[in-house]
C-alpha atoms as a PDB file:
ATOM      1  CA  MET A   1     -10.144  -9.660 126.486  1.00  0.00           C
ATOM      2  CA  ASP A   2      -9.122  -9.934 122.756  1.00  0.00           C
ATOM      3  CA  GLN A   3      -7.096  -7.238 120.983  1.00  0.00           C
ATOM      4  CA  ARG A   4      -7.257  -6.827 116.755  1.00  0.00           C
ATOM      5  CA  LEU A   5      -3.805  -6.069 114.899  1.00  0.00           C
ATOM      6  CA  HIS A   6      -4.258  -6.114 111.093  1.00  0.00           C
ATOM      7  CA  GLY A   7      -7.722  -8.669 111.661  1.00  0.00           C
ATOM      8  CA  GLU A   8      -5.974 -10.600 113.914  1.00  0.00           C
ATOM      9  CA  ILE A   9      -6.605 -11.562 116.887  1.00  0.00           C
ATOM     10  CA  ILE A  10      -4.666 -11.546 119.500  1.00  0.00           C
ATOM     11  CA  THR A  11      -5.920 -13.335 122.761  1.00  0.00           C
ATOM     12  CA  ARG A  12      -5.190 -14.691 126.537  1.00  0.00           C
ATOM     13  CA  LYS A  13      -4.372 -18.352 125.399  1.00  0.00           C
ATOM     14  CA  THR A  14      -1.557 -18.213 122.707  1.00  0.00           C
ATOM     15  CA  MET A  15      -2.100 -19.642 118.415  1.00  0.00           C
ATOM     16  CA  LYS A  16       0.269 -22.673 119.900  1.00  0.00           C
ATOM     17  CA  ASN A  17      -0.814 -23.814 122.411  1.00  0.00           C
ATOM     18  CA  VAL A  18      -4.936 -23.746 120.566  1.00  0.00           C
ATOM     19  CA  GLN A  19      -3.117 -25.497 118.017  1.00  0.00           C
ATOM     20  CA  ALA A  20      -1.929 -27.962 120.599  1.00  0.00           C
ATOM     21  CA  ASP A  21      -5.153 -28.570 122.154  1.00  0.00           C
ATOM     22  CA  LEU A  22      -6.666 -29.398 118.610  1.00  0.00           C
ATOM     23  CA  PRO A  23      -6.547 -33.064 117.772  1.00  0.00           C
ATOM     24  CA  LYS A  24      -5.490 -34.185 114.689  1.00  0.00           C
ATOM     25  CA  LYS A  25      -7.257 -34.270 112.068  1.00  0.00           C
ATOM     26  CA  PRO A  26      -6.928 -36.747 109.090  1.00  0.00           C
ATOM     27  CA  LYS A  27      -5.847 -36.242 105.842  1.00  0.00           C
ATOM     28  CA  GLU A  28      -7.720 -34.232 103.011  1.00  0.00           C
ATOM     29  CA  GLU A  29      -8.643 -36.180  99.947  1.00  0.00           C
ATOM     30  CA  THR A  30      -8.820 -34.159  96.619  1.00  0.00           C
ATOM     31  CA  THR A  31     -10.315 -35.298  93.019  1.00  0.00           C
ATOM     32  CA  SER A  32      -9.758 -32.843  90.368  1.00  0.00           C
ATOM     33  CA  THR A  33     -12.738 -30.712  88.938  1.00  0.00           C
ATOM     34  CA  ASN A  34     -13.541 -29.856  84.685  1.00  0.00           C
ATOM     35  CA  ASN A  35     -11.089 -27.273  85.396  1.00  0.00           C
ATOM     36  CA  GLY A  36      -7.771 -29.061  86.311  1.00  0.00           C
ATOM     37  CA  ALA A  37      -8.393 -27.308  90.435  1.00  0.00           C
ATOM     38  CA  ALA A  38      -7.993 -29.329  93.471  1.00  0.00           C
ATOM     39  CA  PHE A  39     -11.131 -29.010  95.255  1.00  0.00           C
ATOM     40  CA  VAL A  40     -11.219 -31.108  98.705  1.00  0.00           C
ATOM     41  CA  THR A  41     -14.165 -33.625  98.907  1.00  0.00           C
ATOM     42  CA  GLU A  42     -13.396 -34.807 102.842  1.00  0.00           C
ATOM     43  CA  TYR A  43     -12.828 -32.661 105.367  1.00  0.00           C
ATOM     44  CA  GLU A  44     -13.366 -33.006 109.468  1.00  0.00           C
ATOM     45  CA  ILE A  45     -14.292 -29.879 109.913  1.00  0.00           C
ATOM     46  CA  PRO A  46     -14.180 -28.979 114.202  1.00  0.00           C
ATOM     47  CA  ASP A  47     -17.062 -29.993 116.309  1.00  0.00           C
ATOM     48  CA  MET A  48     -18.590 -26.338 117.099  1.00  0.00           C
ATOM     49  CA  ASN A  49     -19.421 -27.092 120.513  1.00  0.00           C
ATOM     50  CA  ARG A  50     -16.185 -27.931 121.256  1.00  0.00           C
ATOM     51  CA  GLU A  51     -14.286 -25.835 123.291  1.00  0.00           C
ATOM     52  CA  ASN A  52     -12.021 -25.002 119.807  1.00  0.00           C
ATOM     53  CA  ASP A  53     -12.793 -22.224 117.478  1.00  0.00           C
ATOM     54  CA  PHE A  54     -13.091 -22.874 114.065  1.00  0.00           C
ATOM     55  CA  ARG A  55     -10.721 -20.259 113.723  1.00  0.00           C
ATOM     56  CA  TYR A  56      -7.577 -22.425 114.742  1.00  0.00           C
ATOM     57  CA  VAL A  57      -8.269 -24.938 112.615  1.00  0.00           C
ATOM     58  CA  GLN A  58      -4.675 -25.855 111.249  1.00  0.00           C
ATOM     59  CA  SER A  59      -6.117 -26.447 107.597  1.00  0.00           C
ATOM     60  CA  TRP A  60      -7.039 -23.317 106.660  1.00  0.00           C
ATOM     61  CA  GLU A  61      -3.294 -22.247 104.944  1.00  0.00           C
ATOM     62  CA  SER A  62      -3.912 -25.253 102.606  1.00  0.00           C
ATOM     63  CA  TYR A  63      -7.041 -24.509 101.195  1.00  0.00           C
ATOM     64  CA  ILE A  64      -4.713 -20.979 100.156  1.00  0.00           C
ATOM     65  CA  THR A  65      -2.370 -22.576  98.551  1.00  0.00           C
ATOM     66  CA  ASP A  66      -3.864 -25.782  97.620  1.00  0.00           C
ATOM     67  CA  ILE A  67      -6.748 -25.332  96.230  1.00  0.00           C
ATOM     68  CA  LEU A  68      -7.062 -21.878  95.828  1.00  0.00           C
ATOM     69  CA  LEU A  69      -3.515 -21.054  94.100  1.00  0.00           C
ATOM     70  CA  GLY A  70      -3.506 -24.643  93.280  1.00  0.00           C
ATOM     71  CA  SER A  71      -5.429 -23.570  90.343  1.00  0.00           C
ATOM     72  CA  ALA A  72      -3.460 -21.750  88.433  1.00  0.00           C
ATOM     73  CA  ILE A  73      -6.172 -19.077  88.327  1.00  0.00           C
ATOM     74  CA  ILE A  74      -6.100 -17.482  91.491  1.00  0.00           C
ATOM     75  CA  ASP A  75      -2.782 -15.006  91.993  1.00  0.00           C
ATOM     76  CA  LYS A  76      -3.726 -13.818  95.612  1.00  0.00           C
ATOM     77  CA  ALA A  77      -6.393 -15.060  98.618  1.00  0.00           C
ATOM     78  CA  ALA A  78      -7.587 -14.609 101.619  1.00  0.00           C
ATOM     79  CA  ILE A  79     -10.488 -16.666 103.759  1.00  0.00           C
ATOM     80  CA  TYR A  80     -11.839 -14.151 107.259  1.00  0.00           C
ATOM     81  CA  ASP A  81     -14.344 -15.176 109.316  1.00  0.00           C
ATOM     82  CA  LEU A  82     -17.072 -12.835 109.309  1.00  0.00           C
ATOM     83  CA  GLU A  83     -15.755 -10.963 112.235  1.00  0.00           C
ATOM     84  CA  GLY A  84     -12.770  -9.659 110.232  1.00  0.00           C
ATOM     85  CA  PHE A  85     -10.061 -12.439 111.950  1.00  0.00           C
ATOM     86  CA  ARG A  86      -7.985 -13.503 108.615  1.00  0.00           C
ATOM     87  CA  LEU A  87      -7.191 -17.446 108.712  1.00  0.00           C
ATOM     88  CA  ALA A  88      -4.981 -17.996 105.802  1.00  0.00           C
ATOM     89  CA  ALA A  89      -3.977 -15.142 103.029  1.00  0.00           C
ATOM     90  CA  THR A  90      -1.617 -15.485 100.440  1.00  0.00           C
ATOM     91  CA  ASP A  91       1.915 -12.735 101.416  1.00  0.00           C
ATOM     92  CA  ASN A  92       1.001  -9.050 102.926  1.00  0.00           C
ATOM     93  CA  PHE A  93      -2.553  -9.572 101.662  1.00  0.00           C
ATOM     94  CA  PHE A  94      -4.553  -7.954 103.705  1.00  0.00           C
ATOM     95  CA  LEU A  95      -7.826  -5.948 103.424  1.00  0.00           C
ATOM     96  CA  SER A  96      -8.435  -2.699 105.687  1.00  0.00           C
ATOM     97  CA  ALA A  97     -10.886  -2.748 107.767  1.00  0.00           C
ATOM     98  CA  GLU A  98     -12.863  -0.243 106.088  1.00  0.00           C
ATOM     99  CA  GLU A  99     -12.913  -2.459 102.900  1.00  0.00           C
ATOM    100  CA  PHE A 100     -14.090  -5.813 105.098  1.00  0.00           C
ATOM    101  CA  LEU A 101     -16.669  -4.120 106.405  1.00  0.00           C
ATOM    102  CA  ASP A 102     -17.629  -2.549 102.806  1.00  0.00           C
ATOM    103  CA  ILE A 103     -17.475  -5.694 101.263  1.00  0.00           C
ATOM    104  CA  LEU A 104     -20.195  -6.988 103.625  1.00  0.00           C
ATOM    105  CA  ASP A 105     -22.353  -4.131 103.153  1.00  0.00           C
ATOM    106  CA  LYS A 106     -22.296  -4.313  99.527  1.00  0.00           C
ATOM    107  CA  PHE A 107     -23.519  -8.465  99.971  1.00  0.00           C
ATOM    108  CA  ARG A 108     -26.514  -6.719 102.095  1.00  0.00           C
ATOM    109  CA  TRP A 109     -27.344  -4.004  99.117  1.00  0.00           C
ATOM    110  CA  PRO A 110     -26.406  -5.796  95.626  1.00  0.00           C
ATOM    111  CA  ASP A 111     -27.158  -2.444  94.459  1.00  0.00           C
ATOM    112  CA  LYS A 112     -25.311  -0.645  95.647  1.00  0.00           C
ATOM    113  CA  ALA A 113     -22.390  -2.798  95.086  1.00  0.00           C
ATOM    114  CA  TYR A 114     -23.000  -2.196  91.081  1.00  0.00           C
ATOM    115  CA  LYS A 115     -23.475   1.388  91.321  1.00  0.00           C
ATOM    116  CA  ASP A 116     -20.567   1.891  93.886  1.00  0.00           C
ATOM    117  CA  GLY A 117     -17.488  -1.342  93.094  1.00  0.00           C
ATOM    118  CA  VAL A 118     -15.654  -2.802  95.425  1.00  0.00           C
ATOM    119  CA  THR A 119     -12.190  -1.919  96.664  1.00  0.00           C
ATOM    120  CA  VAL A 120      -9.776  -4.265  97.544  1.00  0.00           C
ATOM    121  CA  PHE A 121      -6.742  -4.372  98.417  1.00  0.00           C
ATOM    122  CA  ASP A 122      -6.966  -0.742  98.109  1.00  0.00           C
ATOM    123  CA  LYS A 123      -8.077  -1.544  94.437  1.00  0.00           C
ATOM    124  CA  HIS A 124     -11.694  -0.360  92.799  1.00  0.00           C
ATOM    125  CA  TYR A 125     -12.940  -2.980  91.193  1.00  0.00           C
ATOM    126  CA  LYS A 126     -16.694  -2.650  88.729  1.00  0.00           C
ATOM    127  CA  VAL A 127     -19.017  -5.404  90.278  1.00  0.00           C
ATOM    128  CA  VAL A 128     -20.773  -7.152  86.755  1.00  0.00           C
ATOM    129  CA  MET A 129     -21.998  -9.814  89.135  1.00  0.00           C
ATOM    130  CA  ALA A 130     -23.700  -9.362  92.740  1.00  0.00           C
ATOM    131  CA  ASP A 131     -25.799 -11.686  93.726  1.00  0.00           C
ATOM    132  CA  GLY A 132     -27.097 -10.695  96.881  1.00  0.00           C
ATOM    133  CA  LEU A 133     -26.474 -13.662  99.201  1.00  0.00           C
ATOM    134  CA  HIS A 134     -23.238 -15.850  98.507  1.00  0.00           C
ATOM    135  CA  GLY A 135     -21.509 -13.786  95.228  1.00  0.00           C
ATOM    136  CA  ILE A 136     -19.741 -10.887  94.386  1.00  0.00           C
ATOM    137  CA  LEU A 137     -17.588 -10.985  91.259  1.00  0.00           C
ATOM    138  CA  ALA A 138     -16.210  -8.055  89.460  1.00  0.00           C
ATOM    139  CA  LYS A 139     -13.000  -6.586  87.084  1.00  0.00           C
ATOM    140  CA  THR A 140     -10.945  -3.203  87.294  1.00  0.00           C
ATOM    141  CA  GLY A 141     -11.877  -0.411  84.618  1.00  0.00           C
ATOM    142  CA  VAL A 142      -8.661   0.798  84.190  1.00  0.00           C
ATOM    143  CA  PRO A 143      -7.091  -0.160  80.481  1.00  0.00           C
ATOM    144  CA  GLY A 144      -4.118  -2.113  80.663  1.00  0.00           C
ATOM    145  CA  LEU A 145      -4.417  -3.257  84.397  1.00  0.00           C
ATOM    146  CA  LEU A 146      -6.058  -5.777  83.399  1.00  0.00           C
ATOM    147  CA  GLN A 147      -7.363  -8.291  86.536  1.00  0.00           C
ATOM    148  CA  GLY A 148     -10.520  -9.742  88.567  1.00  0.00           C
ATOM    149  CA  LEU A 149     -11.951 -10.221  92.410  1.00  0.00           C
ATOM    150  CA  SER A 150     -13.984 -12.753  93.165  1.00  0.00           C
ATOM    151  CA  LEU A 151     -16.000 -12.615  96.528  1.00  0.00           C
ATOM    152  CA  CYS A 152     -17.865 -15.825  98.150  1.00  0.00           C
ATOM    153  CA  LYS A 153     -19.720 -15.111 101.840  1.00  0.00           C
ATOM    154  CA  THR A 154     -20.557 -18.821 103.269  1.00  0.00           C
ATOM    155  CA  ARG A 155     -22.499 -18.474 106.928  1.00  0.00           C
ATOM    156  CA  LYS A 156     -19.340 -17.687 108.646  1.00  0.00           C
ATOM    157  CA  LEU A 157     -16.587 -16.971 106.330  1.00  0.00           C
ATOM    158  CA  LEU A 158     -15.581 -14.440 103.437  1.00  0.00           C
ATOM    159  CA  VAL A 159     -13.322 -15.925 100.459  1.00  0.00           C
ATOM    160  CA  VAL A 160     -11.207 -13.182  98.656  1.00  0.00           C
ATOM    161  CA  ALA A 161      -9.919 -14.424  95.253  1.00  0.00           C
ATOM    162  CA  ILE A 162      -7.795 -12.030  93.082  1.00  0.00           C
ATOM    163  CA  HIS A 163      -6.356 -12.898  89.399  1.00  0.00           C
ATOM    164  CA  LYS A 164      -4.478 -10.747  86.898  1.00  0.00           C
ATOM    165  CA  ASP A 165      -6.517 -11.986  83.481  1.00  0.00           C
ATOM    166  CA  ASN A 166      -9.559 -11.257  82.577  1.00  0.00           C
ATOM    167  CA  ASN A 167      -9.836 -13.527  80.614  1.00  0.00           C
ATOM    168  CA  LYS A 168      -9.722 -16.146  83.975  1.00  0.00           C
ATOM    169  CA  LEU A 169     -12.802 -14.686  85.532  1.00  0.00           C
ATOM    170  CA  GLU A 170     -15.992 -16.565  85.228  1.00  0.00           C
ATOM    171  CA  LYS A 171     -12.734 -19.302  86.095  1.00  0.00           C
ATOM    172  CA  CYS A 172     -11.776 -17.818  89.304  1.00  0.00           C
ATOM    173  CA  ASN A 173     -15.002 -17.386  89.936  1.00  0.00           C
ATOM    174  CA  GLN A 174     -15.939 -20.647  90.067  1.00  0.00           C
ATOM    175  CA  VAL A 175     -12.821 -22.232  91.959  1.00  0.00           C
ATOM    176  CA  VAL A 176     -14.378 -19.177  94.343  1.00  0.00           C
ATOM    177  CA  MET A 177     -17.704 -20.563  94.931  1.00  0.00           C
ATOM    178  CA  GLU A 178     -16.896 -24.346  94.551  1.00  0.00           C
ATOM    179  CA  LEU A 179     -14.714 -23.763  98.232  1.00  0.00           C
ATOM    180  CA  GLY A 180     -17.106 -21.287  98.829  1.00  0.00           C
ATOM    181  CA  ASP A 181     -20.153 -24.329  98.553  1.00  0.00           C
ATOM    182  CA  PHE A 182     -17.774 -27.276 100.329  1.00  0.00           C
ATOM    183  CA  PHE A 183     -17.451 -24.523 103.349  1.00  0.00           C
ATOM    184  CA  ILE A 184     -22.077 -23.964 103.300  1.00  0.00           C
ATOM    185  CA  GLN A 185     -22.275 -28.061 103.341  1.00  0.00           C
ATOM    186  CA  LYS A 186     -19.508 -28.445 106.489  1.00  0.00           C
ATOM    187  CA  GLY A 187     -22.124 -25.845 108.026  1.00  0.00           C
ATOM    188  CA  LEU A 188     -19.764 -23.202 107.897  1.00  0.00           C
END
């Protein structure tokens, strides 16, 4: 039986044993996008019919460090599966269960996102764009606290990214959505 602790799933099989079962993956090839951020162009995602769960891919952390933080635009980021399992994140970045479920609800009901906004990491953000499918873009409404939020939902993942400068709102969203497009192309 699985148990949840701060969004992490603890199973009978330890993470070390699961990682040892995974086949070695080829090194990622990266190219530079027009904003200077490294973006993955080719990477093998495990076959979903295998016994191994996609959540235990060892490179989730590299998507955070190399792509999202590597863009020099994003300050905090996390990748979750749609069951609330935190796959990777920057230090001490957790969504509460309420925040996670609220975000998923806002993807289904964009009018509610515009009306109520989104709360992430105990900060409230005003939604400036919600397409009702894959993206939500938001910013804080507090003068002096310039922060933006970009959310991307794919078939199986939720990417959350925060940056400190509202001038970077569209650039942050571009990096997050490009990563989301990559995951969608890989069936995630």
